[in-house]
Every structure is written in C-alpha cells, then in structure tokens.
Amino acid sequence: IVAIAYDPSDSGVLGGSSPAQVSTSLKPDAGSLPYAPVNPNTWNASINITTSDPNAAIMWAAYLNAAANQTGGIPTTYYTAGNTTTGSYIYLYGVNDGNPHITLSGKTANLSVSVQSLGST
C-alpha cells in the first residue's frame, strides 16, 4: 500500500493541442509507515481498481498480472487477476498452513512530475 504525497500548492494548468510526455520520478524521501512491520503478517490480500472504462479495466488487469508474475515472481497458483464490468482486481492467496506468508507493508511515496512537449501546433 503506497500513500502518494503531493503538495497541492505545487500545481498548474496546461493547455494546448500538441502531444506531451508526462514523466514521474520517485523522490528519495519515501519511507515506511510505522504500522507496517517488515515480516509476513497477512494470509490473503486483494487489490481492486474501479473504473467505468472497459479498456482501462483490461489494461489494469494486465498490469496487475504482470506485476505479480513477471516482476514479483509470484506463481500463478497463489493469485488471481482479472477484470469485471466495474474494474480490475488481484487476489493474493497465502499457503494454507496456519502461518501468514504475505508481507503487507505501507510506504509514503513523494513523486515529482514534469511535462515535456513532444511537438508544436
């Protein structure tokens, strides 16, 4: 779980009709939250993303699947990812041996965002 921190006074409005690239980088002052121990503490977990756009739901489901299996190396027998008419989900299942095997941690992420023009009109 990542709490994204932002400074509401550091904002602006951009307009135009040319394509733009949005770059986001994680600032180095991110940190763990005190209520999130760094050891297995959870048996099951689910993440649900709500969207009314069916294409976005498909893309989020693909992202969640790739993040779990390809990036995280979680075998597909330990999770289910997919999409519905109202969004996307991933369910993570622990091994049923009476012990928690999922580490649920929380962090604060401070992001820096910049917009760069890719063309002009």
PDB file of N, CA and C in Angstrom:
ATOM      1  N   ILE A   1       0.862  -1.164   0.000  1.00  0.00           N
ATOM      2  CA  ILE A   1       0.000   0.000   0.000  1.00  0.00           C
ATOM      3  C   ILE A   1       0.901   1.216   0.000  1.00  0.00           C
ATOM      4  N   VAL A   2       0.717   2.095  -0.953  1.00  0.00           N
ATOM      5  CA  VAL A   2       1.555   3.282  -1.057  1.00  0.00           C
ATOM      6  C   VAL A   2       0.672   4.508  -0.957  1.00  0.00           C
ATOM      7  N   ALA A   3       0.946   5.358   0.023  1.00  0.00           N
ATOM      8  CA  ALA A   3       0.254   6.640   0.139  1.00  0.00           C
ATOM      9  C   ALA A   3       1.051   7.647  -0.671  1.00  0.00           C
ATOM     10  N   ILE A   4       0.427   8.222  -1.693  1.00  0.00           N
ATOM     11  CA  ILE A   4       1.122   9.165  -2.554  1.00  0.00           C
ATOM     12  C   ILE A   4       0.933  10.565  -1.978  1.00  0.00           C
ATOM     13  N   ALA A   5       2.039  11.164  -1.614  1.00  0.00           N
ATOM     14  CA  ALA A   5       2.013  12.511  -1.034  1.00  0.00           C
ATOM     15  C   ALA A   5       2.223  13.532  -2.145  1.00  0.00           C
ATOM     16  N   TYR A   6       1.515  14.635  -2.050  1.00  0.00           N
ATOM     17  CA  TYR A   6       1.715  15.702  -3.027  1.00  0.00           C
ATOM     18  C   TYR A   6       1.492  17.045  -2.343  1.00  0.00           C
ATOM     19  N   ASP A   7       2.069  18.051  -2.926  1.00  0.00           N
ATOM     20  CA  ASP A   7       1.936  19.409  -2.410  1.00  0.00           C
ATOM     21  C   ASP A   7       0.887  20.119  -3.252  1.00  0.00           C
ATOM     22  N   PRO A   8      -0.321  20.367  -2.711  1.00  0.00           N
ATOM     23  CA  PRO A   8      -1.393  20.980  -3.506  1.00  0.00           C
ATOM     24  C   PRO A   8      -1.043  22.370  -4.026  1.00  0.00           C
ATOM     25  N   SER A   9      -0.101  23.061  -3.369  1.00  0.00           N
ATOM     26  CA  SER A   9       0.264  24.388  -3.856  1.00  0.00           C
ATOM     27  C   SER A   9       1.212  24.322  -5.043  1.00  0.00           C
ATOM     28  N   ASP A  10       1.790  23.157  -5.305  1.00  0.00           N
ATOM     29  CA  ASP A  10       2.715  22.986  -6.425  1.00  0.00           C
ATOM     30  C   ASP A  10       1.937  22.404  -7.605  1.00  0.00           C
ATOM     31  N   SER A  11       1.104  23.231  -8.218  1.00  0.00           N
ATOM     32  CA  SER A  11       0.257  22.749  -9.302  1.00  0.00           C
ATOM     33  C   SER A  11       0.116  23.830 -10.351  1.00  0.00           C
ATOM     34  N   GLY A  12      -0.446  23.465 -11.485  1.00  0.00           N
ATOM     35  CA  GLY A  12      -0.655  24.413 -12.564  1.00  0.00           C
ATOM     36  C   GLY A  12      -1.590  23.836 -13.585  1.00  0.00           C
ATOM     37  N   VAL A  13      -1.952  24.640 -14.540  1.00  0.00           N
ATOM     38  CA  VAL A  13      -2.849  24.223 -15.611  1.00  0.00           C
ATOM     39  C   VAL A  13      -2.094  24.341 -16.923  1.00  0.00           C
ATOM     40  N   LEU A  14      -2.164  23.294 -17.717  1.00  0.00           N
ATOM     41  CA  LEU A  14      -1.532  23.301 -19.034  1.00  0.00           C
ATOM     42  C   LEU A  14      -2.614  23.168 -20.087  1.00  0.00           C
ATOM     43  N   GLY A  15      -2.409  23.772 -21.224  1.00  0.00           N
ATOM     44  CA  GLY A  15      -3.363  23.656 -22.314  1.00  0.00           C
ATOM     45  C   GLY A  15      -2.628  23.595 -23.634  1.00  0.00           C
ATOM     46  N   GLY A  16      -3.298  23.101 -24.637  1.00  0.00           N
ATOM     47  CA  GLY A  16      -2.703  23.008 -25.960  1.00  0.00           C
ATOM     48  C   GLY A  16      -3.213  21.796 -26.693  1.00  0.00           C
ATOM     49  N   SER A  17      -2.760  21.641 -27.919  1.00  0.00           N
ATOM     50  CA  SER A  17      -3.228  20.511 -28.724  1.00  0.00           C
ATOM     51  C   SER A  17      -2.084  19.619 -29.189  1.00  0.00           C
ATOM     52  N   SER A  18      -0.869  19.868 -28.728  1.00  0.00           N
ATOM     53  CA  SER A  18       0.251  19.022 -29.122  1.00  0.00           C
ATOM     54  C   SER A  18       0.415  17.880 -28.129  1.00  0.00           C
ATOM     55  N   PRO A  19       1.023  16.773 -28.575  1.00  0.00           N
ATOM     56  CA  PRO A  19       1.254  15.668 -27.634  1.00  0.00           C
ATOM     57  C   PRO A  19       2.253  16.079 -26.557  1.00  0.00           C
ATOM     58  N   ALA A  20       2.120  15.485 -25.386  1.00  0.00           N
ATOM     59  CA  ALA A  20       3.019  15.791 -24.277  1.00  0.00           C
ATOM     60  C   ALA A  20       3.418  14.506 -23.582  1.00  0.00           C
ATOM     61  N   GLN A  21       4.642  14.484 -23.101  1.00  0.00           N
ATOM     62  CA  GLN A  21       5.135  13.354 -22.328  1.00  0.00           C
ATOM     63  C   GLN A  21       5.122  13.744 -20.857  1.00  0.00           C
ATOM     64  N   VAL A  22       4.517  12.903 -20.030  1.00  0.00           N
ATOM     65  CA  VAL A  22       4.476  13.144 -18.593  1.00  0.00           C
ATOM     66  C   VAL A  22       5.465  12.187 -17.943  1.00  0.00           C
ATOM     67  N   SER A  23       6.446  12.737 -17.246  1.00  0.00           N
ATOM     68  CA  SER A  23       7.458  11.934 -16.561  1.00  0.00           C
ATOM     69  C   SER A  23       7.223  12.028 -15.059  1.00  0.00           C
ATOM     70  N   THR A  24       7.288  10.891 -14.385  1.00  0.00           N
ATOM     71  CA  THR A  24       7.126  10.851 -12.939  1.00  0.00           C
ATOM     72  C   THR A  24       8.336  10.149 -12.343  1.00  0.00           C
ATOM     73  N   SER A  25       8.902  10.725 -11.293  1.00  0.00           N
ATOM     74  CA  SER A  25      10.018  10.079 -10.622  1.00  0.00           C
ATOM     75  C   SER A  25       9.767  10.077  -9.121  1.00  0.00           C
ATOM     76  N   LEU A  26      10.250   9.040  -8.469  1.00  0.00           N
ATOM     77  CA  LEU A  26      10.095   8.881  -7.028  1.00  0.00           C
ATOM     78  C   LEU A  26      11.182   9.680  -6.331  1.00  0.00           C
ATOM     79  N   LYS A  27      10.783  10.588  -5.464  1.00  0.00           N
ATOM     80  CA  LYS A  27      11.749  11.384  -4.721  1.00  0.00           C
ATOM     81  C   LYS A  27      12.357  10.532  -3.606  1.00  0.00           C
ATOM     82  N   PRO A  28      13.570  10.834  -3.182  1.00  0.00           N
ATOM     83  CA  PRO A  28      14.262   9.964  -2.226  1.00  0.00           C
ATOM     84  C   PRO A  28      13.728  10.002  -0.798  1.00  0.00           C
ATOM     85  N   ASP A  29      12.741  10.836  -0.498  1.00  0.00           N
ATOM     86  CA  ASP A  29      12.266  10.930   0.882  1.00  0.00           C
ATOM     87  C   ASP A  29      11.074  10.011   1.179  1.00  0.00           C
ATOM     88  N   ALA A  30      10.882   8.954   0.397  1.00  0.00           N
ATOM     89  CA  ALA A  30       9.831   7.976   0.678  1.00  0.00           C
ATOM     90  C   ALA A  30      10.230   7.182   1.925  1.00  0.00           C
ATOM     91  N   GLY A  31       9.251   6.707   2.662  1.00  0.00           N
ATOM     92  CA  GLY A  31       9.582   5.959   3.867  1.00  0.00           C
ATOM     93  C   GLY A  31       8.479   5.016   4.282  1.00  0.00           C
ATOM     94  N   SER A  32       8.832   4.024   5.087  1.00  0.00           N
ATOM     95  CA  SER A  32       7.869   3.054   5.586  1.00  0.00           C
ATOM     96  C   SER A  32       6.992   3.687   6.657  1.00  0.00           C
ATOM     97  N   LEU A  33       5.754   3.269   6.694  1.00  0.00           N
ATOM     98  CA  LEU A  33       4.835   3.746   7.710  1.00  0.00           C
ATOM     99  C   LEU A  33       4.987   2.887   8.962  1.00  0.00           C
ATOM    100  N   PRO A  34       4.793   3.447  10.153  1.00  0.00           N
ATOM    101  CA  PRO A  34       5.105   2.714  11.392  1.00  0.00           C
ATOM    102  C   PRO A  34       4.208   1.511  11.663  1.00  0.00           C
ATOM    103  N   TYR A  35       3.006   1.450  11.074  1.00  0.00           N
ATOM    104  CA  TYR A  35       2.113   0.342  11.365  1.00  0.00           C
ATOM    105  C   TYR A  35       2.346  -0.843  10.440  1.00  0.00           C
ATOM    106  N   ALA A  36       3.379  -0.814   9.623  1.00  0.00           N
ATOM    107  CA  ALA A  36       3.605  -1.866   8.634  1.00  0.00           C
ATOM    108  C   ALA A  36       4.887  -2.625   8.948  1.00  0.00           C
ATOM    109  N   PRO A  37       4.802  -3.717   9.699  1.00  0.00           N
ATOM    110  CA  PRO A  37       6.009  -4.486  10.009  1.00  0.00           C
ATOM    111  C   PRO A  37       6.581  -5.149   8.750  1.00  0.00           C
ATOM    112  N   VAL A  38       7.888  -5.358   8.751  1.00  0.00           N
ATOM    113  CA  VAL A  38       8.545  -5.949   7.590  1.00  0.00           C
ATOM    114  C   VAL A  38       8.766  -7.440   7.847  1.00  0.00           C
ATOM    115  N   ASN A  39       7.675  -8.163   7.993  1.00  0.00           N
ATOM    116  CA  ASN A  39       7.704  -9.613   8.118  1.00  0.00           C
ATOM    117  C   ASN A  39       6.337 -10.129   7.681  1.00  0.00           C
ATOM    118  N   PRO A  40       6.223 -11.413   7.362  1.00  0.00           N
ATOM    119  CA  PRO A  40       4.913 -11.924   6.946  1.00  0.00           C
ATOM    120  C   PRO A  40       3.852 -11.645   8.006  1.00  0.00           C
ATOM    121  N   ASN A  41       2.777 -10.953   7.612  1.00  0.00           N
ATOM    122  CA  ASN A  41       1.755 -10.552   8.572  1.00  0.00           C
ATOM    123  C   ASN A  41       0.335 -10.711   8.039  1.00  0.00           C
ATOM    124  N   THR A  42       0.184 -11.291   6.848  1.00  0.00           N
ATOM    125  CA  THR A  42      -1.124 -11.350   6.209  1.00  0.00           C
ATOM    126  C   THR A  42      -1.315 -12.705   5.525  1.00  0.00           C
ATOM    127  N   TRP A  43      -2.538 -13.243   5.613  1.00  0.00           N
ATOM    128  CA  TRP A  43      -2.844 -14.516   4.958  1.00  0.00           C
ATOM    129  C   TRP A  43      -3.318 -14.318   3.526  1.00  0.00           C
ATOM    130  N   ASN A  44      -4.179 -13.354   3.287  1.00  0.00           N
ATOM    131  CA  ASN A  44      -4.718 -13.075   1.953  1.00  0.00           C
ATOM    132  C   ASN A  44      -4.793 -11.568   1.764  1.00  0.00           C
ATOM    133  N   ALA A  45      -4.757 -11.127   0.513  1.00  0.00           N
ATOM    134  CA  ALA A  45      -4.871  -9.698   0.223  1.00  0.00           C
ATOM    135  C   ALA A  45      -5.568  -9.527  -1.118  1.00  0.00           C
ATOM    136  N   SER A  46      -6.283  -8.433  -1.261  1.00  0.00           N
ATOM    137  CA  SER A  46      -6.907  -8.130  -2.552  1.00  0.00           C
ATOM    138  C   SER A  46      -6.732  -6.652  -2.860  1.00  0.00           C
ATOM    139  N   ILE A  47      -6.552  -6.373  -4.124  1.00  0.00           N
ATOM    140  CA  ILE A  47      -6.473  -5.005  -4.624  1.00  0.00           C
ATOM    141  C   ILE A  47      -7.541  -4.882  -5.697  1.00  0.00           C
ATOM    142  N   ASN A  48      -8.394  -3.878  -5.558  1.00  0.00           N
ATOM    143  CA  ASN A  48      -9.469  -3.648  -6.515  1.00  0.00           C
ATOM    144  C   ASN A  48      -9.334  -2.243  -7.085  1.00  0.00           C
ATOM    145  N   ILE A  49      -9.460  -2.133  -8.393  1.00  0.00           N
ATOM    146  CA  ILE A  49      -9.403  -0.839  -9.077  1.00  0.00           C
ATOM    147  C   ILE A  49     -10.739  -0.647  -9.768  1.00  0.00           C
ATOM    148  N   THR A  50     -11.427   0.434  -9.443  1.00  0.00           N
ATOM    149  CA  THR A  50     -12.739   0.711 -10.011  1.00  0.00           C
ATOM    150  C   THR A  50     -12.607   1.686 -11.172  1.00  0.00           C
ATOM    151  N   THR A  51     -13.180   1.331 -12.305  1.00  0.00           N
ATOM    152  CA  THR A  51     -13.194   2.210 -13.470  1.00  0.00           C
ATOM    153  C   THR A  51     -14.416   1.887 -14.315  1.00  0.00           C
ATOM    154  N   SER A  52     -14.982   2.902 -14.929  1.00  0.00           N
ATOM    155  CA  SER A  52     -16.126   2.677 -15.819  1.00  0.00           C
ATOM    156  C   SER A  52     -15.676   2.434 -17.253  1.00  0.00           C
ATOM    157  N   ASP A  53     -14.387   2.573 -17.526  1.00  0.00           N
ATOM    158  CA  ASP A  53     -13.847   2.376 -18.872  1.00  0.00           C
ATOM    159  C   ASP A  53     -13.414   0.921 -19.040  1.00  0.00           C
ATOM    160  N   PRO A  54     -14.081   0.143 -19.904  1.00  0.00           N
ATOM    161  CA  PRO A  54     -13.732  -1.274 -20.046  1.00  0.00           C
ATOM    162  C   PRO A  54     -12.307  -1.494 -20.564  1.00  0.00           C
ATOM    163  N   ASN A  55     -11.802  -0.586 -21.390  1.00  0.00           N
ATOM    164  CA  ASN A  55     -10.421  -0.727 -21.877  1.00  0.00           C
ATOM    165  C   ASN A  55      -9.430  -0.507 -20.743  1.00  0.00           C
ATOM    166  N   ALA A  56      -9.715   0.459 -19.871  1.00  0.00           N
ATOM    167  CA  ALA A  56      -8.842   0.697 -18.720  1.00  0.00           C
ATOM    168  C   ALA A  56      -8.857  -0.515 -17.786  1.00  0.00           C
ATOM    169  N   ALA A  57     -10.014  -1.128 -17.608  1.00  0.00           N
ATOM    170  CA  ALA A  57     -10.109  -2.314 -16.742  1.00  0.00           C
ATOM    171  C   ALA A  57      -9.238  -3.449 -17.281  1.00  0.00           C
ATOM    172  N   ILE A  58      -9.251  -3.651 -18.590  1.00  0.00           N
ATOM    173  CA  ILE A  58      -8.422  -4.695 -19.207  1.00  0.00           C
ATOM    174  C   ILE A  58      -6.939  -4.372 -19.022  1.00  0.00           C
ATOM    175  N   MET A  59      -6.574  -3.097 -19.216  1.00  0.00           N
ATOM    176  CA  MET A  59      -5.169  -2.709 -19.066  1.00  0.00           C
ATOM    177  C   MET A  59      -4.700  -2.860 -17.624  1.00  0.00           C
ATOM    178  N   TRP A  60      -5.552  -2.469 -16.640  1.00  0.00           N
ATOM    179  CA  TRP A  60      -5.181  -2.623 -15.237  1.00  0.00           C
ATOM    180  C   TRP A  60      -5.019  -4.100 -14.877  1.00  0.00           C
ATOM    181  N   ALA A  61      -5.910  -4.954 -15.385  1.00  0.00           N
ATOM    182  CA  ALA A  61      -5.801  -6.393 -15.101  1.00  0.00           C
ATOM    183  C   ALA A  61      -4.488  -6.946 -15.651  1.00  0.00           C
ATOM    184  N   ALA A  62      -4.117  -6.531 -16.859  1.00  0.00           N
ATOM    185  CA  ALA A  62      -2.852  -6.975 -17.446  1.00  0.00           C
ATOM    186  C   ALA A  62      -1.663  -6.475 -16.628  1.00  0.00           C
ATOM    187  N   TYR A  63      -1.744  -5.225 -16.165  1.00  0.00           N
ATOM    188  CA  TYR A  63      -0.673  -4.669 -15.338  1.00  0.00           C
ATOM    189  C   TYR A  63      -0.534  -5.432 -14.025  1.00  0.00           C
ATOM    190  N   LEU A  64      -1.651  -5.693 -13.348  1.00  0.00           N
ATOM    191  CA  LEU A  64      -1.609  -6.410 -12.077  1.00  0.00           C
ATOM    192  C   LEU A  64      -1.039  -7.808 -12.254  1.00  0.00           C
ATOM    193  N   ASN A  65      -1.431  -8.482 -13.330  1.00  0.00           N
ATOM    194  CA  ASN A  65      -0.917  -9.813 -13.611  1.00  0.00           C
ATOM    195  C   ASN A  65       0.590  -9.779 -13.857  1.00  0.00           C
ATOM    196  N   ALA A  66       1.037  -8.818 -14.670  1.00  0.00           N
ATOM    197  CA  ALA A  66       2.471  -8.708 -14.966  1.00  0.00           C
ATOM    198  C   ALA A  66       3.255  -8.341 -13.712  1.00  0.00           C
ATOM    199  N   ALA A  67       2.719  -7.437 -12.895  1.00  0.00           N
ATOM    200  CA  ALA A  67       3.415  -7.029 -11.680  1.00  0.00           C
ATOM    201  C   ALA A  67       3.586  -8.203 -10.726  1.00  0.00           C
ATOM    202  N   ALA A  68       2.565  -9.029 -10.612  1.00  0.00           N
ATOM    203  CA  ALA A  68       2.636 -10.174  -9.699  1.00  0.00           C
ATOM    204  C   ALA A  68       3.553 -11.258 -10.250  1.00  0.00           C
ATOM    205  N   ASN A  69       3.324 -11.669 -11.479  1.00  0.00           N
ATOM    206  CA  ASN A  69       4.022 -12.832 -12.011  1.00  0.00           C
ATOM    207  C   ASN A  69       5.395 -12.507 -12.580  1.00  0.00           C
ATOM    208  N   GLN A  70       5.467 -11.541 -13.475  1.00  0.00           N
ATOM    209  CA  GLN A  70       6.739 -11.257 -14.138  1.00  0.00           C
ATOM    210  C   GLN A  70       7.680 -10.448 -13.256  1.00  0.00           C
ATOM    211  N   THR A  71       7.173  -9.404 -12.614  1.00  0.00           N
ATOM    212  CA  THR A  71       8.015  -8.551 -11.783  1.00  0.00           C
ATOM    213  C   THR A  71       8.209  -9.159 -10.397  1.00  0.00           C
ATOM    214  N   GLY A  72       7.112  -9.594  -9.768  1.00  0.00           N
ATOM    215  CA  GLY A  72       7.185 -10.116  -8.406  1.00  0.00           C
ATOM    216  C   GLY A  72       7.563 -11.575  -8.311  1.00  0.00           C
ATOM    217  N   GLY A  73       7.468 -12.316  -9.417  1.00  0.00           N
ATOM    218  CA  GLY A  73       7.818 -13.728  -9.404  1.00  0.00           C
ATOM    219  C   GLY A  73       6.862 -14.599  -8.616  1.00  0.00           C
ATOM    220  N   ILE A  74       5.610 -14.165  -8.448  1.00  0.00           N
ATOM    221  CA  ILE A  74       4.630 -14.947  -7.701  1.00  0.00           C
ATOM    222  C   ILE A  74       4.043 -16.002  -8.638  1.00  0.00           C
ATOM    223  N   PRO A  75       4.090 -17.273  -8.271  1.00  0.00           N
ATOM    224  CA  PRO A  75       3.478 -18.308  -9.114  1.00  0.00           C
ATOM    225  C   PRO A  75       1.974 -18.073  -9.258  1.00  0.00           C
ATOM    226  N   THR A  76       1.436 -18.377 -10.417  1.00  0.00           N
ATOM    227  CA  THR A  76       0.018 -18.124 -10.691  1.00  0.00           C
ATOM    228  C   THR A  76      -0.912 -18.941  -9.798  1.00  0.00           C
ATOM    229  N   THR A  77      -0.416 -19.961  -9.119  1.00  0.00           N
ATOM    230  CA  THR A  77      -1.255 -20.721  -8.188  1.00  0.00           C
ATOM    231  C   THR A  77      -1.546 -19.934  -6.916  1.00  0.00           C
ATOM    232  N   TYR A  78      -0.843 -18.822  -6.681  1.00  0.00           N
ATOM    233  CA  TYR A  78      -1.017 -18.038  -5.467  1.00  0.00           C
ATOM    234  C   TYR A  78      -1.758 -16.727  -5.673  1.00  0.00           C
ATOM    235  N   TYR A  79      -2.263 -16.479  -6.887  1.00  0.00           N
ATOM    236  CA  TYR A  79      -3.036 -15.262  -7.107  1.00  0.00           C
ATOM    237  C   TYR A  79      -3.968 -15.427  -8.300  1.00  0.00           C
ATOM    238  N   THR A  80      -4.975 -14.568  -8.335  1.00  0.00           N
ATOM    239  CA  THR A  80      -5.898 -14.474  -9.466  1.00  0.00           C
ATOM    240  C   THR A  80      -6.027 -13.003  -9.816  1.00  0.00           C
ATOM    241  N   ALA A  81      -5.841 -12.672 -11.085  1.00  0.00           N
ATOM    242  CA  ALA A  81      -6.009 -11.292 -11.555  1.00  0.00           C
ATOM    243  C   ALA A  81      -6.996 -11.303 -12.710  1.00  0.00           C
ATOM    244  N   GLY A  82      -7.812 -10.260 -12.783  1.00  0.00           N
ATOM    245  CA  GLY A  82      -8.774 -10.186 -13.870  1.00  0.00           C
ATOM    246  C   GLY A  82      -9.522  -8.873 -13.867  1.00  0.00           C
ATOM    247  N   ASN A  83     -10.546  -8.802 -14.709  1.00  0.00           N
ATOM    248  CA  ASN A  83     -11.350  -7.586 -14.782  1.00  0.00           C
ATOM    249  C   ASN A  83     -12.827  -7.942 -14.821  1.00  0.00           C
ATOM    250  N   THR A  84     -13.649  -6.980 -14.413  1.00  0.00           N
ATOM    251  CA  THR A  84     -15.100  -7.118 -14.423  1.00  0.00           C
ATOM    252  C   THR A  84     -15.676  -5.915 -15.164  1.00  0.00           C
ATOM    253  N   THR A  85     -16.982  -5.770 -15.137  1.00  0.00           N
ATOM    254  CA  THR A  85     -17.608  -4.620 -15.792  1.00  0.00           C
ATOM    255  C   THR A  85     -17.367  -3.332 -15.022  1.00  0.00           C
ATOM    256  N   THR A  86     -16.915  -3.418 -13.772  1.00  0.00           N
ATOM    257  CA  THR A  86     -16.695  -2.212 -12.971  1.00  0.00           C
ATOM    258  C   THR A  86     -15.225  -1.968 -12.627  1.00  0.00           C
ATOM    259  N   GLY A  87     -14.317  -2.772 -13.142  1.00  0.00           N
ATOM    260  CA  GLY A  87     -12.905  -2.533 -12.853  1.00  0.00           C
ATOM    261  C   GLY A  87     -12.054  -3.778 -12.935  1.00  0.00           C
ATOM    262  N   SER A  88     -10.972  -3.776 -12.164  1.00  0.00           N
ATOM    263  CA  SER A  88      -9.988  -4.857 -12.177  1.00  0.00           C
ATOM    264  C   SER A  88      -9.667  -5.281 -10.751  1.00  0.00           C
ATOM    265  N   TYR A  89      -9.032  -6.447 -10.627  1.00  0.00           N
ATOM    266  CA  TYR A  89      -8.717  -6.961  -9.295  1.00  0.00           C
ATOM    267  C   TYR A  89      -7.529  -7.905  -9.351  1.00  0.00           C
ATOM    268  N   ILE A  90      -6.922  -8.087  -8.197  1.00  0.00           N
ATOM    269  CA  ILE A  90      -5.964  -9.165  -7.982  1.00  0.00           C
ATOM    270  C   ILE A  90      -6.202  -9.675  -6.569  1.00  0.00           C
ATOM    271  N   TYR A  91      -6.298 -10.976  -6.428  1.00  0.00           N
ATOM    272  CA  TYR A  91      -6.452 -11.637  -5.135  1.00  0.00           C
ATOM    273  C   TYR A  91      -5.193 -12.460  -4.894  1.00  0.00           C
ATOM    274  N   LEU A  92      -4.536 -12.230  -3.775  1.00  0.00           N
ATOM    275  CA  LEU A  92      -3.328 -12.966  -3.409  1.00  0.00           C
ATOM    276  C   LEU A  92      -3.683 -13.961  -2.317  1.00  0.00           C
ATOM    277  N   TYR A  93      -3.318 -15.229  -2.535  1.00  0.00           N
ATOM    278  CA  TYR A  93      -3.639 -16.290  -1.585  1.00  0.00           C
ATOM    279  C   TYR A  93      -2.356 -16.762  -0.913  1.00  0.00           C
ATOM    280  N   GLY A  94      -2.383 -16.887   0.401  1.00  0.00           N
ATOM    281  CA  GLY A  94      -1.240 -17.442   1.113  1.00  0.00           C
ATOM    282  C   GLY A  94      -1.325 -18.952   1.139  1.00  0.00           C
ATOM    283  N   VAL A  95      -0.251 -19.592   1.540  1.00  0.00           N
ATOM    284  CA  VAL A  95      -0.232 -21.042   1.719  1.00  0.00           C
ATOM    285  C   VAL A  95      -1.079 -21.358   2.947  1.00  0.00           C
ATOM    286  N   ASN A  96      -1.937 -22.363   2.862  1.00  0.00           N
ATOM    287  CA  ASN A  96      -2.855 -22.695   3.949  1.00  0.00           C
ATOM    288  C   ASN A  96      -2.181 -23.631   4.955  1.00  0.00           C
ATOM    289  N   ASP A  97      -1.214 -23.090   5.706  1.00  0.00           N
ATOM    290  CA  ASP A  97      -0.543 -23.895   6.723  1.00  0.00           C
ATOM    291  C   ASP A  97      -0.641 -23.266   8.113  1.00  0.00           C
ATOM    292  N   GLY A  98      -1.551 -22.281   8.274  1.00  0.00           N
ATOM    293  CA  GLY A  98      -1.738 -21.636   9.568  1.00  0.00           C
ATOM    294  C   GLY A  98      -0.799 -20.475   9.841  1.00  0.00           C
ATOM    295  N   ASN A  99       0.082 -20.157   8.895  1.00  0.00           N
ATOM    296  CA  ASN A  99       1.028 -19.055   9.070  1.00  0.00           C
ATOM    297  C   ASN A  99       0.839 -18.019   7.965  1.00  0.00           C
ATOM    298  N   PRO A 100       1.028 -16.745   8.284  1.00  0.00           N
ATOM    299  CA  PRO A 100       0.961 -15.740   7.227  1.00  0.00           C
ATOM    300  C   PRO A 100       2.201 -15.813   6.342  1.00  0.00           C
ATOM    301  N   HIS A 101       2.013 -15.663   5.026  1.00  0.00           N
ATOM    302  CA  HIS A 101       3.136 -15.704   4.094  1.00  0.00           C
ATOM    303  C   HIS A 101       3.215 -14.457   3.220  1.00  0.00           C
ATOM    304  N   ILE A 102       2.299 -13.538   3.406  1.00  0.00           N
ATOM    305  CA  ILE A 102       2.289 -12.301   2.630  1.00  0.00           C
ATOM    306  C   ILE A 102       2.712 -11.176   3.560  1.00  0.00           C
ATOM    307  N   THR A 103       3.649 -10.361   3.108  1.00  0.00           N
ATOM    308  CA  THR A 103       4.063  -9.199   3.878  1.00  0.00           C
ATOM    309  C   THR A 103       3.346  -7.983   3.330  1.00  0.00           C
ATOM    310  N   LEU A 104       2.439  -7.449   4.105  1.00  0.00           N
ATOM    311  CA  LEU A 104       1.722  -6.241   3.746  1.00  0.00           C
ATOM    312  C   LEU A 104       2.458  -5.071   4.375  1.00  0.00           C
ATOM    313  N   SER A 105       2.973  -4.186   3.548  1.00  0.00           N
ATOM    314  CA  SER A 105       3.709  -3.042   4.072  1.00  0.00           C
ATOM    315  C   SER A 105       3.136  -1.755   3.501  1.00  0.00           C
ATOM    316  N   GLY A 106       3.372  -0.693   4.182  1.00  0.00           N
ATOM    317  CA  GLY A 106       2.901   0.607   3.733  1.00  0.00           C
ATOM    318  C   GLY A 106       4.061   1.567   3.604  1.00  0.00           C
ATOM    319  N   LYS A 107       4.018   2.398   2.591  1.00  0.00           N
ATOM    320  CA  LYS A 107       5.068   3.385   2.360  1.00  0.00           C
ATOM    321  C   LYS A 107       4.438   4.693   1.933  1.00  0.00           C
ATOM    322  N   THR A 108       5.150   5.760   2.145  1.00  0.00           N
ATOM    323  CA  THR A 108       4.758   7.052   1.608  1.00  0.00           C
ATOM    324  C   THR A 108       5.658   7.333   0.415  1.00  0.00           C
ATOM    325  N   ALA A 109       5.071   7.642  -0.728  1.00  0.00           N
ATOM    326  CA  ALA A 109       5.831   7.938  -1.935  1.00  0.00           C
ATOM    327  C   ALA A 109       5.629   9.397  -2.296  1.00  0.00           C
ATOM    328  N   ASN A 110       6.726  10.134  -2.375  1.00  0.00           N
ATOM    329  CA  ASN A 110       6.682  11.514  -2.830  1.00  0.00           C
ATOM    330  C   ASN A 110       7.156  11.528  -4.280  1.00  0.00           C
ATOM    331  N   LEU A 111       6.306  12.024  -5.160  1.00  0.00           N
ATOM    332  CA  LEU A 111       6.597  11.981  -6.587  1.00  0.00           C
ATOM    333  C   LEU A 111       6.859  13.372  -7.140  1.00  0.00           C
ATOM    334  N   SER A 112       7.724  13.422  -8.126  1.00  0.00           N
ATOM    335  CA  SER A 112       7.997  14.655  -8.858  1.00  0.00           C
ATOM    336  C   SER A 112       7.526  14.430 -10.281  1.00  0.00           C
ATOM    337  N   VAL A 113       6.715  15.345 -10.800  1.00  0.00           N
ATOM    338  CA  VAL A 113       6.130  15.186 -12.129  1.00  0.00           C
ATOM    339  C   VAL A 113       6.562  16.339 -13.017  1.00  0.00           C
ATOM    340  N   SER A 114       6.906  16.025 -14.261  1.00  0.00           N
ATOM    341  CA  SER A 114       7.223  17.078 -15.231  1.00  0.00           C
ATOM    342  C   SER A 114       6.518  16.756 -16.550  1.00  0.00           C
ATOM    343  N   VAL A 115       6.203  17.798 -17.293  1.00  0.00           N
ATOM    344  CA  VAL A 115       5.538  17.658 -18.590  1.00  0.00           C
ATOM    345  C   VAL A 115       6.456  18.242 -19.647  1.00  0.00           C
ATOM    346  N   GLN A 116       6.696  17.455 -20.701  1.00  0.00           N
ATOM    347  CA  GLN A 116       7.560  17.898 -21.794  1.00  0.00           C
ATOM    348  C   GLN A 116       6.783  17.812 -23.093  1.00  0.00           C
ATOM    349  N   SER A 117       6.846  18.845 -23.885  1.00  0.00           N
ATOM    350  CA  SER A 117       6.157  18.878 -25.174  1.00  0.00           C
ATOM    351  C   SER A 117       6.874  17.985 -26.164  1.00  0.00           C
ATOM    352  N   LEU A 118       6.113  17.266 -26.977  1.00  0.00           N
ATOM    353  CA  LEU A 118       6.692  16.403 -28.000  1.00  0.00           C
ATOM    354  C   LEU A 118       6.525  17.004 -29.390  1.00  0.00           C
ATOM    355  N   GLY A 119       5.836  18.081 -29.493  1.00  0.00           N
ATOM    356  CA  GLY A 119       5.611  18.709 -30.794  1.00  0.00           C
ATOM    357  C   GLY A 119       5.065  20.101 -30.586  1.00  0.00           C
ATOM    358  N   SER A 120       4.708  20.737 -31.665  1.00  0.00           N
ATOM    359  CA  SER A 120       4.124  22.072 -31.529  1.00  0.00           C
ATOM    360  C   SER A 120       3.021  22.267 -32.551  1.00  0.00           C
ATOM    361  N   THR A 121       1.994  22.970 -32.130  1.00  0.00           N
ATOM    362  CA  THR A 121       0.900  23.331 -33.029  1.00  0.00           C
ATOM    363  C   THR A 121       0.480  24.756 -32.755  1.00  0.00           C
TER     364      THR A 121
END
